[in-house]
Amino acid sequence: MASNKKKAEATPPPSSRNKVSTWIKRVGILAILVVACAWLDSIRERFYVFDLDLLREVSTSAIAASPNDTRGMVDFIVANLTDTYGSSNVRLNLKEEWVFNNAGGAMGAMYIIHASITEYLIIFGTPLGTEGHTGLHTADDYFHILHGEQWVFEPGQLEKVVYGPGSVNLMPRGVARQYKMHEGCWALELDSIDAALRHARYFDLDSRFAYFISHIQNHGQGNVAESVQPEDIV
């Protein structure tokens, strides 16, 4: 009788065994997700469409073709990308829609040329100037300056870095900076779509993220009312 009682006491109750089993399953699922995300991150470039060297060439060519004419640069870029990629390879938003975007304290307008599950390509800027915080990017961001200047600095830097027309401000993933689009500045920006998630630090959906989702759901056509008219771009 005494030995049977000891065995009964040593055996954990069913509820305890179920809790242990549940936590083992959770840890296993989490480990699988971590490994899967790490693997997908290692091959993410396979899913990208746009070539960085080509975008750099298109940007510099647009500046040369339309110096001090941002409207002409935008038209040049869209026409060149349309000829290069074609609608059968990449869905480009040829219906020029401009909306305001507020993020990190900076305000500007953007025109989404392309938005997919892997990357986005936009024209972003303001003719008035703005200043703010970049947030933490989850992917490398390439900011091709078309007009004006962008001033940038990171904690620890005592002097600003100035990017002018034809230069590219590479924002590495995981890096935060303060930036200023001095006076008027416009740029062609390429980034992975997951970079939009950095706005989660505001605990809501900002205009850029909501607009991305709208464009993806509507296959690049969008149904958001235009907030900024094309003729306002100078």
Protein backbone atom coordinates (compact mmCIF):
# COMPACT_ATOMS: atom_id res chain seq x y z
CA MET A 1 0.00 0.00 0.00
CA ALA A 2 2.80 2.41 0.89
CA SER A 3 4.68 1.81 -2.37
CA ASN A 4 1.53 2.34 -4.40
CA LYS A 5 0.92 5.61 -2.59
CA LYS A 6 4.44 6.84 -3.37
CA LYS A 7 4.02 5.99 -7.07
CA ALA A 8 0.75 7.87 -7.14
CA GLU A 9 2.39 10.92 -5.61
CA ALA A 10 5.32 10.83 -8.06
CA THR A 11 3.08 10.82 -11.13
CA PRO A 12 2.17 14.39 -12.16
CA PRO A 13 -1.54 15.07 -12.58
CA PRO A 14 -2.97 15.10 -16.13
CA SER A 15 -3.38 18.89 -16.07
CA SER A 16 0.35 19.40 -15.45
CA ARG A 17 1.28 17.00 -18.25
CA ASN A 18 -1.05 18.86 -20.62
CA LYS A 19 0.56 22.20 -19.76
CA VAL A 20 4.05 20.85 -20.37
CA SER A 21 2.93 19.33 -23.68
CA THR A 22 1.32 22.62 -24.73
CA TRP A 23 4.47 24.62 -24.01
CA ILE A 24 6.64 22.11 -25.85
CA LYS A 25 4.39 22.49 -28.90
CA ARG A 26 4.53 26.29 -28.65
CA VAL A 27 8.31 26.33 -28.41
CA GLY A 28 8.54 23.94 -31.34
CA ILE A 29 6.25 26.08 -33.50
CA LEU A 30 8.19 29.22 -32.55
CA ALA A 31 11.49 27.53 -33.44
CA ILE A 32 10.09 26.48 -36.83
CA LEU A 33 8.89 30.04 -37.51
CA VAL A 34 12.27 31.52 -36.55
CA VAL A 35 14.12 29.11 -38.84
CA ALA A 36 11.64 29.72 -41.68
CA CYS A 37 11.93 33.51 -41.34
CA ALA A 38 15.73 33.31 -41.26
CA TRP A 39 15.73 31.16 -44.39
CA LEU A 40 13.33 33.44 -46.25
CA ASP A 41 15.42 36.46 -45.22
CA SER A 42 18.54 34.79 -46.64
CA ILE A 43 16.91 34.37 -50.07
CA ARG A 44 14.81 37.55 -50.10
CA GLU A 45 16.71 39.07 -53.02
CA ARG A 46 15.40 36.31 -55.30
CA PHE A 47 11.96 37.88 -55.05
CA TYR A 48 13.02 41.44 -55.87
CA VAL A 49 12.14 42.79 -59.28
CA PHE A 50 14.00 46.07 -59.72
CA ASP A 51 17.69 46.26 -60.50
CA LEU A 52 19.57 48.81 -58.39
CA ASP A 53 22.07 49.69 -61.11
CA LEU A 54 19.25 50.28 -63.57
CA LEU A 55 17.38 52.55 -61.15
CA ARG A 56 20.57 54.53 -60.52
CA GLU A 57 21.05 54.93 -64.27
CA VAL A 58 17.41 55.91 -64.81
CA SER A 59 17.61 58.50 -62.04
CA THR A 60 20.78 60.15 -63.34
CA SER A 61 19.42 60.09 -66.90
CA ALA A 62 16.19 61.74 -65.73
CA ILE A 63 18.18 64.52 -64.07
CA ALA A 64 20.25 65.05 -67.22
CA ALA A 65 17.18 65.03 -69.45
CA SER A 66 15.16 67.44 -67.29
CA PRO A 67 17.50 69.56 -65.15
CA ASN A 68 15.63 71.53 -62.47
CA ASP A 69 12.34 70.13 -63.76
CA THR A 70 10.93 67.57 -61.34
CA ARG A 71 7.81 67.06 -63.41
CA GLY A 72 9.95 66.10 -66.39
CA MET A 73 12.03 63.74 -64.22
CA VAL A 74 8.96 61.90 -62.96
CA ASP A 75 7.60 61.48 -66.48
CA PHE A 76 11.00 60.31 -67.72
CA ILE A 77 11.35 57.71 -64.95
CA VAL A 78 7.87 56.25 -65.39
CA ALA A 79 8.21 56.09 -69.18
CA ASN A 80 11.63 54.46 -68.95
CA LEU A 81 10.49 51.86 -66.42
CA THR A 82 7.46 51.07 -68.56
CA ASP A 83 9.64 50.49 -71.60
CA THR A 84 12.20 48.47 -69.64
CA TYR A 85 9.97 46.15 -67.65
CA GLY A 86 6.68 46.16 -69.50
CA SER A 87 3.28 45.49 -68.00
CA SER A 88 3.66 41.72 -68.42
CA ASN A 89 6.68 41.55 -66.09
CA VAL A 90 6.01 44.23 -63.47
CA ARG A 91 2.73 45.92 -62.65
CA LEU A 92 3.40 49.65 -62.65
CA ASN A 93 0.89 52.21 -61.47
CA LEU A 94 0.59 54.52 -64.46
CA LYS A 95 -2.38 56.33 -62.95
CA GLU A 96 -0.43 59.04 -61.19
CA GLU A 97 -1.92 59.39 -57.71
CA TRP A 98 -0.32 61.61 -55.08
CA VAL A 99 -1.14 61.40 -51.38
CA PHE A 100 0.27 63.05 -48.29
CA ASN A 101 2.37 60.98 -45.94
CA ASN A 102 3.26 61.76 -42.33
CA ALA A 103 5.86 59.54 -40.68
CA GLY A 104 8.47 60.20 -38.02
CA GLY A 105 7.47 63.85 -37.85
CA ALA A 106 8.23 64.47 -41.53
CA MET A 107 5.53 65.32 -44.05
CA GLY A 108 5.67 64.95 -47.81
CA ALA A 109 3.79 63.60 -50.79
CA MET A 110 4.31 60.32 -52.58
CA TYR A 111 3.38 58.64 -55.84
CA ILE A 112 3.54 54.83 -55.69
CA ILE A 113 4.93 53.55 -58.97
CA HIS A 114 4.96 49.93 -57.81
CA ALA A 115 3.89 48.09 -54.66
CA SER A 116 4.02 44.34 -54.18
CA ILE A 117 4.47 41.87 -51.36
CA THR A 118 8.26 42.11 -51.74
CA GLU A 119 9.12 45.74 -52.55
CA TYR A 120 7.85 49.20 -53.35
CA LEU A 121 9.06 51.98 -55.62
CA ILE A 122 7.85 55.52 -55.02
CA ILE A 123 8.53 59.16 -55.77
CA PHE A 124 8.62 61.00 -52.44
CA GLY A 125 9.32 64.57 -51.47
CA THR A 126 8.07 68.07 -50.82
CA PRO A 127 8.62 71.50 -52.41
CA LEU A 128 8.53 73.12 -48.94
CA GLY A 129 11.08 71.13 -46.97
CA THR A 130 10.53 68.79 -44.02
CA GLU A 131 12.41 67.09 -41.20
CA GLY A 132 11.94 63.93 -39.18
CA HIS A 133 13.06 60.53 -37.97
CA THR A 134 13.62 57.60 -40.33
CA GLY A 135 12.60 54.88 -37.93
CA LEU A 136 14.22 51.45 -38.05
CA HIS A 137 14.11 49.92 -41.51
CA THR A 138 13.74 46.16 -41.76
CA ALA A 139 15.35 46.22 -45.21
CA ASP A 140 17.91 48.36 -47.04
CA ASP A 141 16.37 51.57 -48.36
CA TYR A 142 17.73 53.34 -51.46
CA PHE A 143 16.90 57.04 -51.73
CA HIS A 144 17.87 58.39 -55.18
CA ILE A 145 17.91 62.18 -54.96
CA LEU A 146 16.37 63.84 -58.02
CA HIS A 147 16.02 67.45 -56.94
CA GLY A 148 17.22 69.46 -53.95
CA GLU A 149 19.21 68.17 -50.98
CA GLN A 150 18.67 65.68 -48.19
CA TRP A 151 20.61 66.23 -44.96
CA VAL A 152 21.25 63.21 -42.74
CA PHE A 153 23.02 62.38 -39.50
CA GLU A 154 23.28 59.48 -37.06
CA PRO A 155 23.92 59.61 -33.31
CA GLY A 156 27.63 60.14 -32.81
CA GLN A 157 28.12 62.12 -36.01
CA LEU A 158 28.93 65.77 -35.39
CA GLU A 159 28.54 66.87 -39.01
CA LYS A 160 25.66 66.34 -41.40
CA VAL A 161 25.96 64.28 -44.57
CA VAL A 162 24.52 66.03 -47.62
CA TYR A 163 23.01 64.13 -50.56
CA GLY A 164 22.39 66.12 -53.73
CA PRO A 165 20.91 65.33 -57.16
CA GLY A 166 22.32 62.13 -58.62
CA SER A 167 23.48 60.73 -55.29
CA VAL A 168 21.98 57.77 -53.41
CA ASN A 169 21.34 57.75 -49.68
CA LEU A 170 21.59 54.10 -48.63
CA MET A 171 19.73 53.47 -45.40
CA PRO A 172 20.94 50.08 -44.12
CA ARG A 173 18.45 47.88 -42.30
CA GLY A 174 18.43 48.38 -38.56
CA VAL A 175 19.84 51.93 -38.72
CA ALA A 176 17.98 55.00 -37.45
CA ARG A 177 18.75 58.54 -38.57
CA GLN A 178 17.47 62.07 -38.44
CA TYR A 179 16.95 63.57 -41.87
CA LYS A 180 15.94 66.85 -43.40
CA MET A 181 14.76 67.46 -46.93
CA HIS A 182 16.22 70.91 -47.07
CA GLU A 183 13.86 73.39 -48.69
CA GLY A 184 12.47 71.48 -51.71
CA CYS A 185 13.60 67.89 -52.32
CA TRP A 186 12.31 64.96 -54.39
CA ALA A 187 13.63 61.42 -54.62
CA LEU A 188 13.02 58.00 -56.14
CA GLU A 189 12.84 55.52 -53.26
CA LEU A 190 13.19 51.74 -53.44
CA ASP A 191 12.57 49.57 -50.43
CA SER A 192 11.23 46.21 -49.42
CA ILE A 193 7.54 46.30 -48.58
CA ASP A 194 8.29 45.00 -45.08
CA ALA A 195 9.90 48.33 -44.35
CA ALA A 196 6.40 49.75 -44.10
CA LEU A 197 6.01 47.73 -40.90
CA ARG A 198 8.51 50.01 -39.16
CA HIS A 199 5.60 52.41 -38.73
CA ALA A 200 4.21 49.99 -36.16
CA ARG A 201 6.20 52.03 -33.63
CA TYR A 202 3.38 54.58 -33.85
CA PHE A 203 0.89 51.87 -32.79
CA ASP A 204 -1.41 52.66 -35.71
CA LEU A 205 -1.49 52.52 -39.50
CA ASP A 206 -0.07 55.65 -41.05
CA SER A 207 -1.08 56.89 -44.47
CA ARG A 208 1.77 55.22 -46.35
CA PHE A 209 1.11 51.73 -44.98
CA ALA A 210 -2.65 52.02 -45.50
CA TYR A 211 -2.09 53.24 -49.04
CA PHE A 212 0.27 50.33 -49.78
CA ILE A 213 -2.35 47.85 -48.64
CA SER A 214 -4.97 49.58 -50.77
CA HIS A 215 -2.76 49.36 -53.85
CA ILE A 216 -1.90 45.71 -53.30
CA GLN A 217 -5.54 44.78 -52.78
CA ASN A 218 -6.53 46.62 -55.92
CA HIS A 219 -3.68 45.14 -58.00
CA GLY A 220 -1.81 48.40 -58.30
CA GLN A 221 -4.74 50.47 -59.49
CA GLY A 222 -5.81 51.92 -56.15
CA ASN A 223 -8.99 53.70 -55.20
CA VAL A 224 -7.65 56.35 -52.86
CA ALA A 225 -8.62 59.90 -53.68
CA GLU A 226 -5.79 62.11 -54.84
CA SER A 227 -4.64 64.50 -52.13
CA VAL A 228 -1.89 66.14 -54.15
CA GLN A 229 -2.34 66.99 -57.78
CA PRO A 230 0.40 66.24 -60.35
CA GLU A 231 0.62 69.90 -61.29
CA ASP A 232 1.68 70.71 -57.70
CA ILE A 233 5.04 69.00 -58.27
CA VAL A 234 7.70 71.59 -59.00
